[in-house]
């Protein structure tokens, strides 16, 4: 069973991202605040769940959460600021959208930047306390919930892109570097959704010579 809270006595938001290792598409992140004392034995790291169970849990999380939100950073932004910064920015964007102001943040992984919430009159407040937790999506409920929202909303997005570009098999690989995905890049070149700063062909070279 996953743990409830890291910061006892504080309104705590859990954050996680999806799509960091993909060759194409935006990176998505979610922030979730769960009620005090909340338990759900089905919640786990999204990678440990079936697709059907993830979508079932998304409905439950959205119903039960005190607040939740999803943040997005585009492929163009990823190429400008790199994927680590983009992943953190997506989490910050998700936190900005929460309808309840968190007092502390727990984040899956080992890297994060200080987050200062927006003030109603403009500007930013003081940075909130935060803790990074390696494999946190398998340890804390709010991070697990965030991982499920980030994953499912990103999957929905990649499924829509797959209708536009079916040759890249995004319905199946969701933009990750599968053999079929890379073969399609060799054959058809890249799309506007590919991350040009990535080693798209897996050959150690940046694939900037492809036209769009």
N, C-alpha and C. Protein backbone atom coordinates (compact mmCIF):
# COMPACT_ATOMS: atom_id res chain seq x y z
N UNK A 1 0.84 -1.19 0.00
CA UNK A 1 0.00 0.00 0.00
C UNK A 1 0.88 1.25 0.00
N UNK A 2 0.52 2.23 -0.83
CA UNK A 2 1.31 3.44 -0.93
C UNK A 2 1.08 4.35 0.28
N UNK A 3 2.06 5.19 0.54
CA UNK A 3 1.98 6.12 1.66
C UNK A 3 1.09 7.30 1.32
N UNK A 4 0.48 7.88 2.36
CA UNK A 4 -0.44 8.98 2.15
C UNK A 4 0.28 10.31 1.93
N UNK A 5 1.04 10.77 2.92
CA UNK A 5 1.64 12.10 2.82
C UNK A 5 3.09 12.08 3.25
N UNK A 6 3.87 12.98 2.70
CA UNK A 6 5.24 13.21 3.12
C UNK A 6 5.28 14.37 4.10
N UNK A 7 4.58 15.44 3.75
CA UNK A 7 4.51 16.63 4.61
C UNK A 7 3.23 16.58 5.43
N UNK A 8 3.28 15.96 6.59
CA UNK A 8 2.10 15.87 7.43
C UNK A 8 1.65 17.26 7.87
N UNK A 9 0.35 17.48 7.85
CA UNK A 9 -0.19 18.75 8.29
C UNK A 9 -0.17 19.85 7.24
N UNK A 10 0.30 19.56 6.05
CA UNK A 10 0.33 20.55 4.97
C UNK A 10 -0.53 20.08 3.79
N UNK A 11 -1.04 21.03 3.05
CA UNK A 11 -1.71 20.72 1.79
C UNK A 11 -0.62 20.38 0.78
N UNK A 12 -0.59 19.13 0.37
CA UNK A 12 0.54 18.59 -0.39
C UNK A 12 0.10 18.21 -1.80
N UNK A 13 0.86 18.67 -2.80
CA UNK A 13 0.60 18.29 -4.19
C UNK A 13 1.66 17.30 -4.64
N UNK A 14 1.23 16.21 -5.28
CA UNK A 14 2.14 15.27 -5.90
C UNK A 14 2.27 15.58 -7.38
N UNK A 15 3.50 15.47 -7.92
CA UNK A 15 3.75 15.78 -9.33
C UNK A 15 4.50 14.65 -10.02
N UNK A 16 4.16 14.43 -11.28
CA UNK A 16 4.90 13.49 -12.12
C UNK A 16 4.71 13.89 -13.57
N UNK A 17 5.60 13.39 -14.43
CA UNK A 17 5.52 13.70 -15.86
C UNK A 17 5.44 12.43 -16.69
N UNK A 18 5.07 12.60 -17.96
CA UNK A 18 5.03 11.48 -18.90
C UNK A 18 5.55 11.96 -20.25
N UNK A 19 6.31 11.11 -20.91
CA UNK A 19 6.77 11.41 -22.26
C UNK A 19 8.17 11.96 -22.35
N UNK A 20 8.92 11.84 -21.26
CA UNK A 20 10.27 12.42 -21.26
C UNK A 20 11.18 11.73 -22.28
N UNK A 21 11.07 10.43 -22.43
CA UNK A 21 11.96 9.69 -23.32
C UNK A 21 11.46 9.54 -24.75
N UNK A 22 10.39 10.23 -25.10
CA UNK A 22 9.81 10.09 -26.43
C UNK A 22 10.58 10.89 -27.49
N UNK A 23 10.48 10.43 -28.71
CA UNK A 23 11.09 11.14 -29.84
C UNK A 23 10.16 12.20 -30.39
N UNK A 24 8.87 12.08 -30.09
CA UNK A 24 7.88 13.00 -30.66
C UNK A 24 6.83 13.33 -29.61
N UNK A 25 6.23 14.50 -29.80
CA UNK A 25 5.13 14.91 -28.94
C UNK A 25 5.56 15.74 -27.75
N UNK A 26 4.59 16.40 -27.15
CA UNK A 26 4.81 17.22 -25.97
C UNK A 26 5.09 16.35 -24.76
N UNK A 27 5.70 16.94 -23.76
CA UNK A 27 5.82 16.29 -22.45
C UNK A 27 4.66 16.80 -21.60
N UNK A 28 4.03 15.89 -20.89
CA UNK A 28 2.88 16.21 -20.04
C UNK A 28 3.26 15.99 -18.58
N UNK A 29 2.70 16.80 -17.70
CA UNK A 29 2.88 16.59 -16.27
C UNK A 29 1.55 16.85 -15.58
N UNK A 30 1.38 16.26 -14.41
CA UNK A 30 0.17 16.48 -13.62
C UNK A 30 0.55 16.81 -12.19
N UNK A 31 -0.33 17.55 -11.55
CA UNK A 31 -0.23 17.85 -10.13
C UNK A 31 -1.56 17.46 -9.48
N UNK A 32 -1.48 16.76 -8.37
CA UNK A 32 -2.69 16.25 -7.71
C UNK A 32 -2.61 16.50 -6.21
N UNK A 33 -3.68 17.04 -5.65
CA UNK A 33 -3.85 17.15 -4.20
C UNK A 33 -4.96 16.20 -3.79
N UNK A 34 -4.65 15.24 -2.94
CA UNK A 34 -5.63 14.27 -2.47
C UNK A 34 -6.12 14.66 -1.07
N UNK A 35 -7.31 14.22 -0.70
CA UNK A 35 -7.81 14.54 0.65
C UNK A 35 -6.94 13.91 1.73
N UNK A 36 -6.90 14.53 2.90
CA UNK A 36 -6.20 13.94 4.05
C UNK A 36 -6.78 12.57 4.35
N UNK A 37 -5.90 11.60 4.61
CA UNK A 37 -6.34 10.26 4.96
C UNK A 37 -6.83 9.43 3.80
N UNK A 38 -6.64 9.94 2.58
CA UNK A 38 -7.15 9.22 1.40
C UNK A 38 -6.41 7.91 1.20
N UNK A 39 -7.17 6.87 0.83
CA UNK A 39 -6.57 5.58 0.50
C UNK A 39 -7.26 5.00 -0.73
N UNK A 40 -6.48 4.37 -1.57
CA UNK A 40 -7.01 3.64 -2.72
C UNK A 40 -6.00 2.56 -3.06
N UNK A 41 -6.35 1.32 -2.77
CA UNK A 41 -5.41 0.22 -2.94
C UNK A 41 -5.07 -0.06 -4.39
N UNK A 42 -5.86 0.48 -5.32
CA UNK A 42 -5.61 0.25 -6.75
C UNK A 42 -4.57 1.20 -7.31
N UNK A 43 -4.34 2.32 -6.62
CA UNK A 43 -3.39 3.32 -7.11
C UNK A 43 -1.96 2.77 -7.07
N UNK A 44 -1.25 2.98 -8.17
CA UNK A 44 0.15 2.57 -8.25
C UNK A 44 0.81 3.36 -9.37
N UNK A 45 2.11 3.22 -9.49
CA UNK A 45 2.85 3.78 -10.61
C UNK A 45 2.14 3.41 -11.91
N UNK A 46 1.88 4.41 -12.77
CA UNK A 46 1.11 4.16 -13.99
C UNK A 46 1.73 3.08 -14.86
N UNK A 47 3.07 2.94 -14.81
CA UNK A 47 3.75 1.95 -15.65
C UNK A 47 3.43 0.52 -15.19
N UNK A 48 2.96 0.37 -13.96
CA UNK A 48 2.64 -0.95 -13.43
C UNK A 48 1.18 -1.35 -13.68
N UNK A 49 0.42 -0.47 -14.33
CA UNK A 49 -1.01 -0.69 -14.52
C UNK A 49 -1.33 -0.94 -15.99
N UNK A 50 -2.42 -1.65 -16.24
CA UNK A 50 -2.88 -1.82 -17.61
C UNK A 50 -3.51 -0.52 -18.09
N UNK A 51 -3.59 -0.37 -19.40
CA UNK A 51 -4.21 0.83 -19.96
C UNK A 51 -5.64 1.00 -19.45
N UNK A 52 -6.39 -0.07 -19.45
CA UNK A 52 -7.78 -0.02 -18.99
C UNK A 52 -7.86 0.46 -17.54
N UNK A 53 -6.98 -0.07 -16.68
CA UNK A 53 -7.01 0.31 -15.27
C UNK A 53 -6.60 1.78 -15.09
N UNK A 54 -5.63 2.25 -15.90
CA UNK A 54 -5.23 3.66 -15.81
C UNK A 54 -6.40 4.59 -16.07
N UNK A 55 -7.18 4.28 -17.11
CA UNK A 55 -8.30 5.15 -17.44
C UNK A 55 -9.43 5.04 -16.40
N UNK A 56 -9.62 3.87 -15.84
CA UNK A 56 -10.59 3.73 -14.75
C UNK A 56 -10.18 4.57 -13.55
N UNK A 57 -8.88 4.52 -13.23
CA UNK A 57 -8.37 5.27 -12.08
C UNK A 57 -8.39 6.78 -12.35
N UNK A 58 -8.21 7.17 -13.61
CA UNK A 58 -8.26 8.61 -13.91
C UNK A 58 -9.60 9.20 -13.49
N UNK A 59 -10.68 8.51 -13.79
CA UNK A 59 -12.01 8.98 -13.39
C UNK A 59 -12.13 9.08 -11.88
N UNK A 60 -11.59 8.08 -11.18
CA UNK A 60 -11.67 8.07 -9.72
C UNK A 60 -10.84 9.21 -9.13
N UNK A 61 -9.63 9.40 -9.66
CA UNK A 61 -8.75 10.47 -9.17
C UNK A 61 -9.41 11.83 -9.38
N UNK A 62 -9.95 12.06 -10.56
CA UNK A 62 -10.56 13.35 -10.84
C UNK A 62 -11.79 13.60 -9.97
N UNK A 63 -12.48 12.54 -9.63
CA UNK A 63 -13.65 12.66 -8.75
C UNK A 63 -13.25 12.92 -7.30
N UNK A 64 -12.21 12.22 -6.84
CA UNK A 64 -11.86 12.24 -5.42
C UNK A 64 -10.87 13.34 -5.03
N UNK A 65 -10.08 13.82 -5.97
CA UNK A 65 -9.01 14.78 -5.64
C UNK A 65 -9.58 16.10 -5.14
N UNK A 66 -8.87 16.71 -4.22
CA UNK A 66 -9.19 18.08 -3.80
C UNK A 66 -8.96 19.03 -4.97
N UNK A 67 -7.89 18.78 -5.73
CA UNK A 67 -7.59 19.56 -6.93
C UNK A 67 -6.64 18.76 -7.80
N UNK A 68 -6.74 18.97 -9.11
CA UNK A 68 -5.80 18.33 -10.04
C UNK A 68 -5.67 19.22 -11.28
N UNK A 69 -4.54 19.08 -11.97
CA UNK A 69 -4.32 19.86 -13.19
C UNK A 69 -3.22 19.19 -14.01
N UNK A 70 -3.21 19.51 -15.30
CA UNK A 70 -2.22 18.96 -16.23
C UNK A 70 -1.50 20.12 -16.91
N UNK A 71 -0.17 20.02 -17.00
CA UNK A 71 0.65 21.01 -17.68
C UNK A 71 1.35 20.39 -18.88
N UNK A 72 1.57 21.19 -19.91
CA UNK A 72 2.11 20.70 -21.18
C UNK A 72 3.25 21.60 -21.64
N UNK A 73 4.32 20.97 -22.16
CA UNK A 73 5.41 21.71 -22.81
C UNK A 73 5.61 21.10 -24.19
N UNK A 74 5.63 21.94 -25.21
CA UNK A 74 5.62 21.48 -26.61
C UNK A 74 6.99 20.99 -27.08
N UNK A 75 7.03 20.25 -28.19
CA UNK A 75 8.31 19.83 -28.76
C UNK A 75 9.24 21.00 -29.07
N UNK A 76 8.67 22.11 -29.54
CA UNK A 76 9.50 23.29 -29.85
C UNK A 76 10.17 23.82 -28.58
N UNK A 77 9.41 23.85 -27.50
CA UNK A 77 9.97 24.30 -26.23
C UNK A 77 11.02 23.33 -25.71
N UNK A 78 10.76 22.04 -25.87
CA UNK A 78 11.73 21.01 -25.44
C UNK A 78 13.06 21.22 -26.15
N UNK A 79 13.00 21.48 -27.47
CA UNK A 79 14.23 21.68 -28.23
C UNK A 79 14.99 22.92 -27.78
N UNK A 80 14.28 23.91 -27.28
CA UNK A 80 14.93 25.16 -26.85
C UNK A 80 15.55 25.03 -25.46
N UNK A 81 14.87 24.33 -24.53
CA UNK A 81 15.31 24.39 -23.13
C UNK A 81 15.79 23.04 -22.59
N UNK A 82 15.71 21.98 -23.35
CA UNK A 82 16.07 20.59 -23.06
C UNK A 82 14.98 19.89 -22.25
N UNK A 83 14.99 18.59 -22.27
CA UNK A 83 13.86 17.82 -21.74
C UNK A 83 13.79 17.88 -20.21
N UNK A 84 14.91 17.97 -19.53
CA UNK A 84 14.84 18.08 -18.07
C UNK A 84 14.13 19.37 -17.67
N UNK A 85 14.57 20.48 -18.24
CA UNK A 85 13.91 21.75 -17.94
C UNK A 85 12.45 21.75 -18.38
N UNK A 86 12.18 21.11 -19.51
CA UNK A 86 10.80 21.04 -20.01
C UNK A 86 9.91 20.22 -19.08
N UNK A 87 10.43 19.12 -18.56
CA UNK A 87 9.66 18.29 -17.64
C UNK A 87 9.31 19.07 -16.37
N UNK A 88 10.28 19.82 -15.85
CA UNK A 88 10.04 20.61 -14.64
C UNK A 88 9.06 21.75 -14.95
N UNK A 89 9.23 22.37 -16.12
CA UNK A 89 8.31 23.45 -16.51
C UNK A 89 6.88 22.92 -16.63
N UNK A 90 6.71 21.73 -17.19
CA UNK A 90 5.37 21.14 -17.29
C UNK A 90 4.75 20.94 -15.91
N UNK A 91 5.56 20.52 -14.93
CA UNK A 91 5.06 20.37 -13.57
C UNK A 91 4.67 21.72 -12.99
N UNK A 92 5.51 22.74 -13.21
CA UNK A 92 5.19 24.09 -12.73
C UNK A 92 3.89 24.59 -13.35
N UNK A 93 3.69 24.32 -14.63
CA UNK A 93 2.46 24.75 -15.30
C UNK A 93 1.24 24.03 -14.72
N UNK A 94 1.40 22.75 -14.39
CA UNK A 94 0.31 22.03 -13.75
C UNK A 94 0.01 22.63 -12.38
N UNK A 95 1.04 22.91 -11.60
CA UNK A 95 0.85 23.50 -10.27
C UNK A 95 0.17 24.87 -10.36
N UNK A 96 0.53 25.65 -11.38
CA UNK A 96 -0.08 26.97 -11.56
C UNK A 96 -1.60 26.88 -11.73
N UNK A 97 -2.07 25.77 -12.29
CA UNK A 97 -3.49 25.64 -12.62
C UNK A 97 -4.33 25.05 -11.49
N UNK A 98 -3.70 24.60 -10.42
CA UNK A 98 -4.47 24.00 -9.32
C UNK A 98 -5.43 25.02 -8.73
N UNK A 99 -6.68 24.59 -8.49
CA UNK A 99 -7.68 25.49 -7.92
C UNK A 99 -7.54 25.63 -6.42
N UNK A 100 -6.74 24.76 -5.81
CA UNK A 100 -6.41 24.87 -4.38
C UNK A 100 -4.90 25.07 -4.29
N UNK A 101 -4.46 26.03 -3.51
CA UNK A 101 -3.04 26.35 -3.41
C UNK A 101 -2.33 25.33 -2.51
N UNK A 102 -1.34 24.60 -3.04
CA UNK A 102 -0.60 23.68 -2.19
C UNK A 102 0.35 24.41 -1.25
N UNK A 103 0.71 23.75 -0.16
CA UNK A 103 1.67 24.30 0.79
C UNK A 103 3.02 23.60 0.69
N UNK A 104 3.04 22.47 -0.02
CA UNK A 104 4.27 21.70 -0.21
C UNK A 104 4.09 20.82 -1.43
N UNK A 105 5.22 20.35 -1.98
CA UNK A 105 5.20 19.59 -3.22
C UNK A 105 6.09 18.37 -3.09
N UNK A 106 5.60 17.22 -3.55
CA UNK A 106 6.44 16.02 -3.67
C UNK A 106 6.48 15.64 -5.14
N UNK A 107 7.67 15.28 -5.61
CA UNK A 107 7.92 15.11 -7.03
C UNK A 107 8.59 13.76 -7.28
N UNK A 108 8.12 13.07 -8.31
CA UNK A 108 8.78 11.83 -8.71
C UNK A 108 10.13 12.14 -9.35
N UNK A 109 11.16 11.38 -8.97
CA UNK A 109 12.48 11.58 -9.58
C UNK A 109 13.46 12.22 -8.61
N UNK A 110 14.52 12.82 -9.17
CA UNK A 110 15.56 13.41 -8.32
C UNK A 110 15.92 14.84 -8.70
N UNK A 111 15.12 15.45 -9.60
CA UNK A 111 15.43 16.82 -10.02
C UNK A 111 14.16 17.66 -10.04
N UNK A 112 14.27 18.85 -9.52
CA UNK A 112 13.15 19.79 -9.53
C UNK A 112 13.72 21.17 -9.28
N UNK A 113 12.99 22.21 -9.67
CA UNK A 113 13.39 23.58 -9.39
C UNK A 113 12.35 24.21 -8.47
N UNK A 114 12.81 25.13 -7.66
CA UNK A 114 11.90 25.79 -6.72
C UNK A 114 10.67 26.32 -7.45
N UNK A 115 9.53 26.10 -6.81
CA UNK A 115 8.27 26.56 -7.39
C UNK A 115 7.65 27.62 -6.48
N UNK A 116 7.36 28.77 -7.08
CA UNK A 116 6.69 29.86 -6.36
C UNK A 116 5.30 30.05 -6.96
N UNK A 117 4.26 29.94 -6.18
CA UNK A 117 2.90 30.03 -6.73
C UNK A 117 2.57 31.44 -7.18
N UNK A 118 1.70 31.57 -8.19
CA UNK A 118 1.29 32.90 -8.65
C UNK A 118 0.43 33.60 -7.61
N UNK A 119 0.62 34.89 -7.50
CA UNK A 119 -0.19 35.71 -6.59
C UNK A 119 -1.37 36.30 -7.36
N UNK A 120 -2.45 36.54 -6.66
CA UNK A 120 -3.66 37.02 -7.32
C UNK A 120 -3.46 38.39 -7.96
N UNK A 121 -2.63 39.22 -7.35
CA UNK A 121 -2.41 40.55 -7.91
C UNK A 121 -1.28 40.61 -8.92
N UNK A 122 -0.73 39.44 -9.27
CA UNK A 122 0.41 39.38 -10.18
C UNK A 122 1.69 39.05 -9.44
N UNK A 123 2.66 38.55 -10.16
CA UNK A 123 3.92 38.16 -9.55
C UNK A 123 3.83 36.78 -8.92
N UNK A 124 4.84 36.46 -8.14
CA UNK A 124 4.94 35.13 -7.52
C UNK A 124 5.20 35.28 -6.02
N UNK A 125 4.70 34.29 -5.29
CA UNK A 125 4.92 34.27 -3.85
C UNK A 125 6.23 33.60 -3.49
N UNK A 126 6.38 33.28 -2.22
CA UNK A 126 7.58 32.59 -1.76
C UNK A 126 7.59 31.15 -2.26
N UNK A 127 8.78 30.61 -2.50
CA UNK A 127 8.91 29.24 -2.97
C UNK A 127 8.35 28.27 -1.93
N UNK A 128 7.65 27.26 -2.40
CA UNK A 128 7.08 26.25 -1.52
C UNK A 128 8.14 25.19 -1.21
N UNK A 129 8.07 24.57 -0.03
CA UNK A 129 8.97 23.44 0.23
C UNK A 129 8.67 22.29 -0.73
N UNK A 130 9.71 21.63 -1.20
CA UNK A 130 9.50 20.48 -2.10
C UNK A 130 10.51 19.38 -1.77
N UNK A 131 10.13 18.17 -2.12
CA UNK A 131 11.00 17.01 -1.95
C UNK A 131 10.91 16.14 -3.19
N UNK A 132 12.07 15.74 -3.72
CA UNK A 132 12.10 14.79 -4.84
C UNK A 132 12.25 13.39 -4.28
N UNK A 133 11.52 12.44 -4.87
CA UNK A 133 11.49 11.07 -4.36
C UNK A 133 11.70 10.12 -5.53
N UNK A 134 12.83 9.44 -5.56
CA UNK A 134 13.11 8.48 -6.63
C UNK A 134 12.09 7.34 -6.55
N UNK A 135 11.48 7.04 -7.70
CA UNK A 135 10.40 6.05 -7.78
C UNK A 135 9.24 6.42 -6.85
N UNK A 136 9.03 7.72 -6.73
CA UNK A 136 7.97 8.21 -5.86
C UNK A 136 6.58 7.79 -6.30
N UNK A 137 6.43 7.52 -7.63
CA UNK A 137 5.12 7.09 -8.12
C UNK A 137 4.74 5.70 -7.63
N UNK A 138 5.70 4.99 -7.06
CA UNK A 138 5.40 3.70 -6.44
C UNK A 138 5.43 3.75 -4.93
N UNK A 139 5.52 4.99 -4.38
CA UNK A 139 5.64 5.15 -2.92
C UNK A 139 4.56 6.03 -2.31
N UNK A 140 4.13 7.08 -3.04
CA UNK A 140 3.18 8.04 -2.49
C UNK A 140 1.95 8.15 -3.39
N UNK A 141 0.78 8.19 -2.76
CA UNK A 141 -0.48 8.18 -3.50
C UNK A 141 -0.61 9.36 -4.45
N UNK A 142 -0.26 10.56 -3.99
CA UNK A 142 -0.47 11.75 -4.83
C UNK A 142 0.43 11.72 -6.06
N UNK A 143 1.65 11.19 -5.91
CA UNK A 143 2.53 11.08 -7.07
C UNK A 143 2.02 10.01 -8.02
N UNK A 144 1.55 8.89 -7.49
CA UNK A 144 0.97 7.84 -8.33
C UNK A 144 -0.23 8.37 -9.10
N UNK A 145 -1.06 9.16 -8.43
CA UNK A 145 -2.23 9.75 -9.10
C UNK A 145 -1.78 10.69 -10.21
N UNK A 146 -0.76 11.49 -9.93
CA UNK A 146 -0.24 12.41 -10.95
C UNK A 146 0.33 11.64 -12.14
N UNK A 147 0.99 10.52 -11.87
CA UNK A 147 1.57 9.73 -12.96
C UNK A 147 0.47 9.19 -13.87
N UNK A 148 -0.66 8.81 -13.30
CA UNK A 148 -1.77 8.27 -14.09
C UNK A 148 -2.40 9.36 -14.94
N UNK A 149 -2.60 10.54 -14.37
CA UNK A 149 -3.19 11.63 -15.16
C UNK A 149 -2.25 12.06 -16.28
N UNK A 150 -0.97 12.22 -15.96
CA UNK A 150 -0.01 12.64 -16.99
C UNK A 150 0.05 11.62 -18.13
N UNK A 151 0.12 10.36 -17.77
CA UNK A 151 0.22 9.29 -18.77
C UNK A 151 -1.03 9.22 -19.64
N UNK A 152 -2.21 9.22 -19.04
CA UNK A 152 -3.43 9.04 -19.84
C UNK A 152 -3.72 10.25 -20.71
N UNK A 153 -3.49 11.46 -20.18
CA UNK A 153 -3.75 12.63 -21.02
C UNK A 153 -2.73 12.73 -22.15
N UNK A 154 -1.50 12.31 -21.90
CA UNK A 154 -0.53 12.30 -22.99
C UNK A 154 -0.88 11.23 -24.02
N UNK A 155 -1.33 10.07 -23.57
CA UNK A 155 -1.75 9.02 -24.51
C UNK A 155 -2.89 9.51 -25.39
N UNK A 156 -3.86 10.21 -24.79
CA UNK A 156 -4.96 10.76 -25.59
C UNK A 156 -4.42 11.68 -26.69
N UNK A 157 -3.47 12.51 -26.32
CA UNK A 157 -2.86 13.46 -27.25
C UNK A 157 -2.13 12.73 -28.37
N UNK A 158 -1.33 11.70 -28.03
CA UNK A 158 -0.60 10.96 -29.06
C UNK A 158 -1.55 10.18 -29.96
N UNK A 159 -2.65 9.71 -29.41
CA UNK A 159 -3.65 9.01 -30.24
C UNK A 159 -4.25 9.96 -31.27
N UNK A 160 -4.44 11.22 -30.88
CA UNK A 160 -4.94 12.20 -31.85
C UNK A 160 -3.90 12.48 -32.94
N UNK A 161 -2.64 12.60 -32.54
CA UNK A 161 -1.58 12.83 -33.53
C UNK A 161 -1.44 11.63 -34.47
N UNK A 162 -1.70 10.45 -33.96
CA UNK A 162 -1.59 9.23 -34.77
C UNK A 162 -2.58 9.23 -35.93
N UNK A 163 -3.70 9.89 -35.75
CA UNK A 163 -4.67 9.99 -36.85
C UNK A 163 -4.12 10.86 -37.98
N UNK A 164 -3.32 11.84 -37.60
CA UNK A 164 -2.72 12.75 -38.58
C UNK A 164 -1.51 12.12 -39.25
N UNK A 165 -0.74 11.33 -38.49
CA UNK A 165 0.49 10.71 -39.00
C UNK A 165 0.50 9.21 -38.65
N UNK A 166 -0.32 8.41 -39.31
CA UNK A 166 -0.44 6.99 -38.93
C UNK A 166 0.82 6.17 -39.19
N UNK A 167 1.69 6.63 -40.07
CA UNK A 167 2.84 5.82 -40.46
C UNK A 167 3.86 5.62 -39.34
N UNK A 168 3.79 6.45 -38.29
CA UNK A 168 4.80 6.36 -37.22
C UNK A 168 4.37 5.43 -36.08
N UNK A 169 3.20 4.83 -36.19
CA UNK A 169 2.73 3.85 -35.21
C UNK A 169 2.56 4.44 -33.81
N UNK A 170 2.17 5.72 -33.75
CA UNK A 170 2.04 6.37 -32.45
C UNK A 170 0.89 5.81 -31.62
N UNK A 171 -0.09 5.22 -32.28
CA UNK A 171 -1.16 4.58 -31.51
C UNK A 171 -0.60 3.53 -30.58
N UNK A 172 0.45 2.86 -31.05
CA UNK A 172 1.06 1.79 -30.26
C UNK A 172 2.22 2.30 -29.41
N UNK A 173 3.13 3.07 -30.02
CA UNK A 173 4.37 3.42 -29.28
C UNK A 173 4.30 4.75 -28.55
N UNK A 174 3.25 5.56 -28.81
CA UNK A 174 3.04 6.85 -28.13
C UNK A 174 4.23 7.81 -28.27
N UNK A 175 5.03 7.61 -29.33
CA UNK A 175 6.15 8.49 -29.58
C UNK A 175 7.48 7.99 -29.04
N UNK A 176 7.47 6.87 -28.34
CA UNK A 176 8.73 6.33 -27.81
C UNK A 176 9.58 5.73 -28.94
N UNK A 177 10.89 5.55 -28.71
CA UNK A 177 11.81 5.14 -29.78
C UNK A 177 11.80 3.64 -30.06
N UNK A 178 10.70 3.17 -30.63
CA UNK A 178 10.64 1.77 -31.06
C UNK A 178 11.31 1.60 -32.42
N UNK A 179 11.58 0.38 -32.77
CA UNK A 179 12.19 0.09 -34.08
C UNK A 179 11.29 0.59 -35.21
N UNK A 180 9.99 0.35 -35.09
CA UNK A 180 9.05 0.76 -36.13
C UNK A 180 8.99 2.28 -36.26
N UNK A 181 9.05 2.96 -35.14
CA UNK A 181 9.04 4.43 -35.16
C UNK A 181 10.27 4.97 -35.89
N UNK A 182 11.43 4.43 -35.54
CA UNK A 182 12.67 4.92 -36.17
C UNK A 182 12.74 4.56 -37.65
N UNK A 183 12.22 3.40 -38.02
CA UNK A 183 12.18 3.03 -39.43
C UNK A 183 11.29 4.01 -40.22
N UNK A 184 10.19 4.44 -39.60
CA UNK A 184 9.30 5.39 -40.27
C UNK A 184 9.98 6.76 -40.42
N UNK A 185 10.79 7.15 -39.43
CA UNK A 185 11.53 8.40 -39.55
C UNK A 185 12.51 8.32 -40.73
N UNK A 186 13.19 7.17 -40.85
CA UNK A 186 14.12 6.99 -41.99
C UNK A 186 13.39 7.10 -43.31
N UNK A 187 12.21 6.51 -43.37
CA UNK A 187 11.47 6.44 -44.63
C UNK A 187 10.75 7.75 -44.96
N UNK A 188 10.12 8.37 -43.97
CA UNK A 188 9.24 9.51 -44.23
C UNK A 188 9.79 10.84 -43.72
N UNK A 189 10.91 10.81 -42.98
CA UNK A 189 11.40 12.04 -42.38
C UNK A 189 10.65 12.36 -41.09
N UNK A 190 10.81 13.60 -40.64
CA UNK A 190 10.19 13.96 -39.37
C UNK A 190 8.93 14.79 -39.60
N UNK A 191 8.14 14.89 -38.55
CA UNK A 191 6.91 15.69 -38.54
C UNK A 191 7.17 16.95 -37.71
N UNK A 192 6.24 17.88 -37.70
CA UNK A 192 6.37 19.05 -36.82
C UNK A 192 6.36 18.68 -35.34
N UNK A 193 5.97 17.45 -35.03
CA UNK A 193 5.88 17.03 -33.63
C UNK A 193 7.13 16.32 -33.12
N UNK A 194 8.08 16.05 -34.00
CA UNK A 194 9.30 15.39 -33.56
C UNK A 194 10.22 16.38 -32.84
N UNK A 195 10.99 15.85 -31.89
CA UNK A 195 11.93 16.66 -31.11
C UNK A 195 13.27 16.66 -31.84
N UNK A 196 13.59 17.76 -32.47
CA UNK A 196 14.75 17.82 -33.35
C UNK A 196 16.07 17.74 -32.59
N UNK A 197 16.04 18.03 -31.29
CA UNK A 197 17.27 17.97 -30.49
C UNK A 197 17.59 16.55 -30.04
N UNK A 198 16.71 15.59 -30.37
CA UNK A 198 16.91 14.20 -29.97
C UNK A 198 17.67 13.43 -31.06
N UNK A 199 18.28 12.33 -30.65
CA UNK A 199 18.93 11.40 -31.59
C UNK A 199 17.83 10.52 -32.18
N UNK A 200 17.19 11.04 -33.21
CA UNK A 200 15.95 10.42 -33.69
C UNK A 200 16.16 9.05 -34.33
N UNK A 201 17.31 8.83 -34.95
CA UNK A 201 17.55 7.56 -35.64
C UNK A 201 18.28 6.54 -34.76
N UNK A 202 18.72 6.98 -33.58
CA UNK A 202 19.43 6.05 -32.71
C UNK A 202 20.84 5.75 -33.17
N UNK A 203 21.40 6.63 -34.02
CA UNK A 203 22.72 6.39 -34.60
C UNK A 203 23.80 7.28 -33.97
N UNK A 204 23.41 7.98 -32.89
CA UNK A 204 24.36 8.87 -32.25
C UNK A 204 24.45 10.25 -32.87
N UNK A 205 23.72 10.47 -33.94
CA UNK A 205 23.73 11.77 -34.60
C UNK A 205 22.38 12.47 -34.43
N UNK A 206 22.43 13.80 -34.24
CA UNK A 206 21.19 14.56 -34.24
C UNK A 206 20.68 14.62 -35.67
N UNK A 207 19.39 14.36 -35.83
CA UNK A 207 18.80 14.20 -37.16
C UNK A 207 18.21 15.49 -37.67
N UNK A 208 19.06 16.52 -37.78
CA UNK A 208 18.55 17.85 -38.17
C UNK A 208 18.47 18.02 -39.68
N UNK A 209 18.91 17.03 -40.43
CA UNK A 209 18.94 17.19 -41.87
C UNK A 209 17.61 16.80 -42.52
N UNK A 210 16.64 16.35 -41.70
CA UNK A 210 15.36 15.98 -42.27
C UNK A 210 14.51 17.22 -42.53
N UNK A 211 13.88 17.29 -43.67
CA UNK A 211 12.90 18.32 -43.90
C UNK A 211 11.59 17.97 -43.21
N UNK A 212 10.75 18.95 -43.06
CA UNK A 212 9.46 18.70 -42.42
C UNK A 212 8.38 18.63 -43.47
